[in-house]
């Protein structure tokens, strides 16, 4: 197996009450986390107070060098 530069994505461990800012995409802007479960996140806009529930979409990313790819999961 060859070694490559690989981007690792992990679900971001959000907590209820966190204030977040999303840069880019259709959900960009400021939000407050008001609900969570294994699959969904519920956010409230602090300006309009509108609430939205979406599949979890926020990830922490890091790049690792010299990683074997593809790996065995």
PDB file of N, CA and C in Angstrom:
ATOM      1  N   UNK A   1       0.834  -1.171   0.000  1.00  0.00           N
ATOM      2  CA  UNK A   1       0.000   0.000   0.000  1.00  0.00           C
ATOM      3  C   UNK A   1       0.888   1.247   0.000  1.00  0.00           C
ATOM      4  N   UNK A   2       0.603   2.189  -0.866  1.00  0.00           N
ATOM      5  CA  UNK A   2       1.399   3.404  -0.974  1.00  0.00           C
ATOM      6  C   UNK A   2       1.006   4.411   0.101  1.00  0.00           C
ATOM      7  N   UNK A   3       1.926   5.351   0.381  1.00  0.00           N
ATOM      8  CA  UNK A   3       1.658   6.413   1.337  1.00  0.00           C
ATOM      9  C   UNK A   3       1.266   7.675   0.580  1.00  0.00           C
ATOM     10  N   UNK A   4       0.279   8.400   1.141  1.00  0.00           N
ATOM     11  CA  UNK A   4      -0.262   9.586   0.508  1.00  0.00           C
ATOM     12  C   UNK A   4      -0.507  10.675   1.552  1.00  0.00           C
ATOM     13  N   UNK A   5      -0.771  11.880   1.072  1.00  0.00           N
ATOM     14  CA  UNK A   5      -1.304  12.946   1.919  1.00  0.00           C
ATOM     15  C   UNK A   5      -2.821  12.752   1.933  1.00  0.00           C
ATOM     16  N   UNK A   6      -3.412  12.563   3.122  1.00  0.00           N
ATOM     17  CA  UNK A   6      -4.826  12.218   3.238  1.00  0.00           C
ATOM     18  C   UNK A   6      -5.522  13.208   4.174  1.00  0.00           C
ATOM     19  N   UNK A   7      -6.682  13.702   3.778  1.00  0.00           N
ATOM     20  CA  UNK A   7      -7.493  14.574   4.614  1.00  0.00           C
ATOM     21  C   UNK A   7      -8.384  13.701   5.492  1.00  0.00           C
ATOM     22  N   UNK A   8      -8.338  13.916   6.810  1.00  0.00           N
ATOM     23  CA  UNK A   8      -9.130  13.163   7.770  1.00  0.00           C
ATOM     24  C   UNK A   8     -10.288  14.051   8.230  1.00  0.00           C
ATOM     25  N   UNK A   9     -11.516  13.572   8.079  1.00  0.00           N
ATOM     26  CA  UNK A   9     -12.705  14.303   8.521  1.00  0.00           C
ATOM     27  C   UNK A   9     -13.341  13.568   9.689  1.00  0.00           C
ATOM     28  N   UNK A  10     -13.587  14.303  10.785  1.00  0.00           N
ATOM     29  CA  UNK A  10     -14.240  13.728  11.960  1.00  0.00           C
ATOM     30  C   UNK A  10     -15.457  14.589  12.288  1.00  0.00           C
ATOM     31  N   UNK A  11     -16.583  13.978  12.659  1.00  0.00           N
ATOM     32  CA  UNK A  11     -17.728  14.797  13.057  1.00  0.00           C
ATOM     33  C   UNK A  11     -17.325  15.739  14.194  1.00  0.00           C
ATOM     34  N   UNK A  12     -17.715  17.007  14.077  1.00  0.00           N
ATOM     35  CA  UNK A  12     -17.367  17.973  15.114  1.00  0.00           C
ATOM     36  C   UNK A  12     -18.266  17.746  16.329  1.00  0.00           C
ATOM     37  N   UNK A  13     -17.703  17.659  17.525  1.00  0.00           N
ATOM     38  CA  UNK A  13     -18.488  17.363  18.732  1.00  0.00           C
ATOM     39  C   UNK A  13     -19.203  18.609  19.269  1.00  0.00           C
ATOM     40  N   UNK A  14     -20.259  19.034  18.600  1.00  0.00           N
ATOM     41  CA  UNK A  14     -21.010  20.212  19.032  1.00  0.00           C
ATOM     42  C   UNK A  14     -21.691  19.955  20.374  1.00  0.00           C
ATOM     43  N   UNK A  15     -22.004  21.054  21.055  1.00  0.00           N
ATOM     44  CA  UNK A  15     -22.746  20.987  22.312  1.00  0.00           C
ATOM     45  C   UNK A  15     -23.869  22.008  22.271  1.00  0.00           C
ATOM     46  N   UNK A  16     -24.983  21.669  22.891  1.00  0.00           N
ATOM     47  CA  UNK A  16     -26.111  22.595  22.960  1.00  0.00           C
ATOM     48  C   UNK A  16     -25.651  23.873  23.662  1.00  0.00           C
ATOM     49  N   UNK A  17     -26.054  25.006  23.110  1.00  0.00           N
ATOM     50  CA  UNK A  17     -25.698  26.306  23.666  1.00  0.00           C
ATOM     51  C   UNK A  17     -24.512  26.959  22.978  1.00  0.00           C
ATOM     52  N   UNK A  18     -23.761  26.199  22.182  1.00  0.00           N
ATOM     53  CA  UNK A  18     -22.609  26.777  21.483  1.00  0.00           C
ATOM     54  C   UNK A  18     -23.064  27.790  20.452  1.00  0.00           C
ATOM     55  N   UNK A  19     -22.281  28.862  20.340  1.00  0.00           N
ATOM     56  CA  UNK A  19     -22.470  29.840  19.280  1.00  0.00           C
ATOM     57  C   UNK A  19     -21.448  29.499  18.205  1.00  0.00           C
ATOM     58  N   UNK A  20     -21.912  29.362  16.963  1.00  0.00           N
ATOM     59  CA  UNK A  20     -21.007  28.974  15.883  1.00  0.00           C
ATOM     60  C   UNK A  20     -21.148  29.949  14.721  1.00  0.00           C
ATOM     61  N   UNK A  21     -20.128  29.968  13.889  1.00  0.00           N
ATOM     62  CA  UNK A  21     -20.160  30.742  12.652  1.00  0.00           C
ATOM     63  C   UNK A  21     -19.744  29.810  11.526  1.00  0.00           C
ATOM     64  N   UNK A  22     -20.578  29.715  10.493  1.00  0.00           N
ATOM     65  CA  UNK A  22     -20.297  28.863   9.340  1.00  0.00           C
ATOM     66  C   UNK A  22     -19.874  29.761   8.194  1.00  0.00           C
ATOM     67  N   UNK A  23     -18.715  29.473   7.625  1.00  0.00           N
ATOM     68  CA  UNK A  23     -18.220  30.256   6.493  1.00  0.00           C
ATOM     69  C   UNK A  23     -18.469  29.491   5.207  1.00  0.00           C
ATOM     70  N   UNK A  24     -19.155  30.126   4.280  1.00  0.00           N
ATOM     71  CA  UNK A  24     -19.396  29.537   2.970  1.00  0.00           C
ATOM     72  C   UNK A  24     -20.592  28.612   2.955  1.00  0.00           C
ATOM     73  N   UNK A  25     -21.130  28.418   1.771  1.00  0.00           N
ATOM     74  CA  UNK A  25     -22.243  27.507   1.578  1.00  0.00           C
ATOM     75  C   UNK A  25     -23.583  28.122   1.938  1.00  0.00           C
ATOM     76  N   UNK A  26     -24.653  27.379   1.722  1.00  0.00           N
ATOM     77  CA  UNK A  26     -25.997  27.910   1.939  1.00  0.00           C
ATOM     78  C   UNK A  26     -26.342  28.156   3.404  1.00  0.00           C
ATOM     79  N   UNK A  27     -25.581  27.606   4.339  1.00  0.00           N
ATOM     80  CA  UNK A  27     -25.861  27.779   5.766  1.00  0.00           C
ATOM     81  C   UNK A  27     -24.926  28.784   6.422  1.00  0.00           C
ATOM     82  N   UNK A  28     -24.237  29.586   5.613  1.00  0.00           N
ATOM     83  CA  UNK A  28     -23.238  30.502   6.177  1.00  0.00           C
ATOM     84  C   UNK A  28     -23.886  31.506   7.121  1.00  0.00           C
ATOM     85  N   UNK A  29     -23.117  31.898   8.129  1.00  0.00           N
ATOM     86  CA  UNK A  29     -23.589  32.894   9.082  1.00  0.00           C
ATOM     87  C   UNK A  29     -23.464  32.423  10.509  1.00  0.00           C
ATOM     88  N   UNK A  30     -24.070  33.204  11.406  1.00  0.00           N
ATOM     89  CA  UNK A  30     -24.022  32.914  12.837  1.00  0.00           C
ATOM     90  C   UNK A  30     -25.234  32.076  13.246  1.00  0.00           C
ATOM     91  N   UNK A  31     -24.989  31.123  14.147  1.00  0.00           N
ATOM     92  CA  UNK A  31     -26.018  30.198  14.607  1.00  0.00           C
ATOM     93  C   UNK A  31     -25.788  29.844  16.072  1.00  0.00           C
ATOM     94  N   UNK A  32     -26.865  29.424  16.722  1.00  0.00           N
ATOM     95  CA  UNK A  32     -26.766  28.846  18.061  1.00  0.00           C
ATOM     96  C   UNK A  32     -27.249  27.408  17.984  1.00  0.00           C
ATOM     97  N   UNK A  33     -26.486  26.499  18.589  1.00  0.00           N
ATOM     98  CA  UNK A  33     -26.856  25.087  18.608  1.00  0.00           C
ATOM     99  C   UNK A  33     -27.932  24.911  19.686  1.00  0.00           C
ATOM    100  N   UNK A  34     -29.132  24.466  19.283  1.00  0.00           N
ATOM    101  CA  UNK A  34     -30.226  24.329  20.247  1.00  0.00           C
ATOM    102  C   UNK A  34     -30.731  22.896  20.390  1.00  0.00           C
ATOM    103  N   UNK A  35     -30.231  21.980  19.574  1.00  0.00           N
ATOM    104  CA  UNK A  35     -30.624  20.584  19.691  1.00  0.00           C
ATOM    105  C   UNK A  35     -29.664  19.682  18.951  1.00  0.00           C
ATOM    106  N   UNK A  36     -29.479  18.488  19.483  1.00  0.00           N
ATOM    107  CA  UNK A  36     -28.556  17.510  18.895  1.00  0.00           C
ATOM    108  C   UNK A  36     -29.063  16.104  19.135  1.00  0.00           C
ATOM    109  N   UNK A  37     -28.824  15.242  18.182  1.00  0.00           N
ATOM    110  CA  UNK A  37     -28.909  13.807  18.414  1.00  0.00           C
ATOM    111  C   UNK A  37     -27.860  13.153  17.534  1.00  0.00           C
ATOM    112  N   UNK A  38     -27.870  11.846  17.454  1.00  0.00           N
ATOM    113  CA  UNK A  38     -26.822  11.140  16.697  1.00  0.00           C
ATOM    114  C   UNK A  38     -26.755  11.561  15.229  1.00  0.00           C
ATOM    115  N   UNK A  39     -27.899  11.924  14.645  1.00  0.00           N
ATOM    116  CA  UNK A  39     -27.938  12.189  13.206  1.00  0.00           C
ATOM    117  C   UNK A  39     -28.265  13.627  12.828  1.00  0.00           C
ATOM    118  N   UNK A  40     -28.864  14.387  13.722  1.00  0.00           N
ATOM    119  CA  UNK A  40     -29.358  15.728  13.379  1.00  0.00           C
ATOM    120  C   UNK A  40     -28.768  16.796  14.296  1.00  0.00           C
ATOM    121  N   UNK A  41     -28.740  18.023  13.775  1.00  0.00           N
ATOM    122  CA  UNK A  41     -28.378  19.200  14.563  1.00  0.00           C
ATOM    123  C   UNK A  41     -29.473  20.239  14.320  1.00  0.00           C
ATOM    124  N   UNK A  42     -29.906  20.898  15.395  1.00  0.00           N
ATOM    125  CA  UNK A  42     -30.925  21.938  15.276  1.00  0.00           C
ATOM    126  C   UNK A  42     -30.263  23.265  15.629  1.00  0.00           C
ATOM    127  N   UNK A  43     -30.365  24.230  14.696  1.00  0.00           N
ATOM    128  CA  UNK A  43     -29.721  25.529  14.855  1.00  0.00           C
ATOM    129  C   UNK A  43     -30.761  26.639  14.822  1.00  0.00           C
ATOM    130  N   UNK A  44     -30.457  27.735  15.557  1.00  0.00           N
ATOM    131  CA  UNK A  44     -31.321  28.912  15.549  1.00  0.00           C
ATOM    132  C   UNK A  44     -30.512  30.118  15.094  1.00  0.00           C
ATOM    133  N   UNK A  45     -31.097  30.891  14.191  1.00  0.00           N
ATOM    134  CA  UNK A  45     -30.492  32.140  13.740  1.00  0.00           C
ATOM    135  C   UNK A  45     -30.712  33.183  14.843  1.00  0.00           C
ATOM    136  N   UNK A  46     -29.638  33.853  15.311  1.00  0.00           N
ATOM    137  CA  UNK A  46     -29.792  34.831  16.387  1.00  0.00           C
ATOM    138  C   UNK A  46     -30.469  36.128  15.954  1.00  0.00           C
ATOM    139  N   UNK A  47     -30.611  36.348  14.655  1.00  0.00           N
ATOM    140  CA  UNK A  47     -31.232  37.571  14.144  1.00  0.00           C
ATOM    141  C   UNK A  47     -32.728  37.352  13.914  1.00  0.00           C
ATOM    142  N   UNK A  48     -33.068  36.358  13.098  1.00  0.00           N
ATOM    143  CA  UNK A  48     -34.476  36.105  12.762  1.00  0.00           C
ATOM    144  C   UNK A  48     -35.161  35.185  13.766  1.00  0.00           C
ATOM    145  N   UNK A  49     -34.367  34.488  14.579  1.00  0.00           N
ATOM    146  CA  UNK A  49     -34.841  33.483  15.544  1.00  0.00           C
ATOM    147  C   UNK A  49     -35.481  32.268  14.866  1.00  0.00           C
ATOM    148  N   UNK A  50     -35.306  32.148  13.547  1.00  0.00           N
ATOM    149  CA  UNK A  50     -35.787  30.964  12.842  1.00  0.00           C
ATOM    150  C   UNK A  50     -34.936  29.766  13.213  1.00  0.00           C
ATOM    151  N   UNK A  51     -35.567  28.609  13.275  1.00  0.00           N
ATOM    152  CA  UNK A  51     -34.886  27.373  13.653  1.00  0.00           C
ATOM    153  C   UNK A  51     -34.900  26.399  12.485  1.00  0.00           C
ATOM    154  N   UNK A  52     -33.798  25.680  12.347  1.00  0.00           N
ATOM    155  CA  UNK A  52     -33.655  24.702  11.275  1.00  0.00           C
ATOM    156  C   UNK A  52     -33.031  23.438  11.829  1.00  0.00           C
ATOM    157  N   UNK A  53     -33.474  22.293  11.334  1.00  0.00           N
ATOM    158  CA  UNK A  53     -32.880  21.020  11.713  1.00  0.00           C
ATOM    159  C   UNK A  53     -32.328  20.365  10.456  1.00  0.00           C
ATOM    160  N   UNK A  54     -31.055  20.013  10.510  1.00  0.00           N
ATOM    161  CA  UNK A  54     -30.391  19.404   9.360  1.00  0.00           C
ATOM    162  C   UNK A  54     -29.644  18.149   9.803  1.00  0.00           C
ATOM    163  N   UNK A  55     -29.335  17.292   8.829  1.00  0.00           N
ATOM    164  CA  UNK A  55     -28.396  16.204   9.104  1.00  0.00           C
ATOM    165  C   UNK A  55     -27.092  16.851   9.544  1.00  0.00           C
ATOM    166  N   UNK A  56     -26.378  16.204  10.450  1.00  0.00           N
ATOM    167  CA  UNK A  56     -25.102  16.765  10.906  1.00  0.00           C
ATOM    168  C   UNK A  56     -24.181  16.967   9.709  1.00  0.00           C
ATOM    169  N   UNK A  57     -23.559  18.122   9.628  1.00  0.00           N
ATOM    170  CA  UNK A  57     -22.754  18.469   8.462  1.00  0.00           C
ATOM    171  C   UNK A  57     -21.428  19.115   8.830  1.00  0.00           C
ATOM    172  N   UNK A  58     -21.163  19.377  10.091  1.00  0.00           N
ATOM    173  CA  UNK A  58     -19.926  20.055  10.486  1.00  0.00           C
ATOM    174  C   UNK A  58     -18.857  19.025  10.843  1.00  0.00           C
ATOM    175  N   UNK A  59     -17.697  19.206  10.260  1.00  0.00           N
ATOM    176  CA  UNK A  59     -16.596  18.272  10.473  1.00  0.00           C
ATOM    177  C   UNK A  59     -15.325  19.024  10.813  1.00  0.00           C
ATOM    178  N   UNK A  60     -14.490  18.384  11.625  1.00  0.00           N
ATOM    179  CA  UNK A  60     -13.149  18.853  11.894  1.00  0.00           C
ATOM    180  C   UNK A  60     -12.269  18.177  10.852  1.00  0.00           C
ATOM    181  N   UNK A  61     -11.379  18.932  10.235  1.00  0.00           N
ATOM    182  CA  UNK A  61     -10.519  18.361   9.198  1.00  0.00           C
ATOM    183  C   UNK A  61      -9.054  18.549   9.556  1.00  0.00           C
ATOM    184  N   UNK A  62      -8.266  17.567   9.235  1.00  0.00           N
ATOM    185  CA  UNK A  62      -6.819  17.671   9.376  1.00  0.00           C
ATOM    186  C   UNK A  62      -6.175  16.904   8.231  1.00  0.00           C
ATOM    187  N   UNK A  63      -4.987  17.318   7.860  1.00  0.00           N
ATOM    188  CA  UNK A  63      -4.254  16.631   6.809  1.00  0.00           C
ATOM    189  C   UNK A  63      -3.124  15.840   7.440  1.00  0.00           C
ATOM    190  N   UNK A  64      -3.013  14.580   7.078  1.00  0.00           N
ATOM    191  CA  UNK A  64      -1.943  13.732   7.583  1.00  0.00           C
ATOM    192  C   UNK A  64      -1.051  13.322   6.420  1.00  0.00           C
ATOM    193  N   UNK A  65       0.238  13.469   6.628  1.00  0.00           N
ATOM    194  CA  UNK A  65       1.227  13.104   5.614  1.00  0.00           C
ATOM    195  C   UNK A  65       1.668  11.651   5.814  1.00  0.00           C
ATOM    196  N   UNK A  66       2.096  11.038   4.772  1.00  0.00           N
ATOM    197  CA  UNK A  66       2.676   9.685   4.798  1.00  0.00           C
ATOM    198  C   UNK A  66       1.728   8.665   5.419  1.00  0.00           C
ATOM    199  N   UNK A  67       0.464   8.748   5.040  1.00  0.00           N
ATOM    200  CA  UNK A  67      -0.551   7.819   5.558  1.00  0.00           C
ATOM    201  C   UNK A  67      -0.837   6.770   4.490  1.00  0.00           C
ATOM    202  N   UNK A  68      -0.968   5.539   4.916  1.00  0.00           N
ATOM    203  CA  UNK A  68      -1.312   4.470   3.974  1.00  0.00           C
ATOM    204  C   UNK A  68      -2.748   4.653   3.531  1.00  0.00           C
ATOM    205  N   UNK A  69      -2.968   4.569   2.222  1.00  0.00           N
ATOM    206  CA  UNK A  69      -4.289   4.769   1.652  1.00  0.00           C
ATOM    207  C   UNK A  69      -4.438   3.918   0.408  1.00  0.00           C
ATOM    208  N   UNK A  70      -5.521   3.204   0.180  1.00  0.00           N
ATOM    209  CA  UNK A  70      -6.687   3.124   1.070  1.00  0.00           C
ATOM    210  C   UNK A  70      -6.400   2.254   2.286  1.00  0.00           C
ATOM    211  N   UNK A  71      -7.107   2.537   3.364  1.00  0.00           N
ATOM    212  CA  UNK A  71      -6.927   1.772   4.593  1.00  0.00           C
ATOM    213  C   UNK A  71      -7.937   0.640   4.685  1.00  0.00           C
ATOM    214  N   UNK A  72      -7.746  -0.213   5.637  1.00  0.00           N
ATOM    215  CA  UNK A  72      -8.683  -1.311   5.886  1.00  0.00           C
ATOM    216  C   UNK A  72      -9.570  -0.899   7.059  1.00  0.00           C
ATOM    217  N   UNK A  73     -10.876  -0.721   6.799  1.00  0.00           N
ATOM    218  CA  UNK A  73     -11.811  -0.323   7.863  1.00  0.00           C
ATOM    219  C   UNK A  73     -12.528  -1.493   8.452  1.00  0.00           C
TER     220      UNK A  73
END
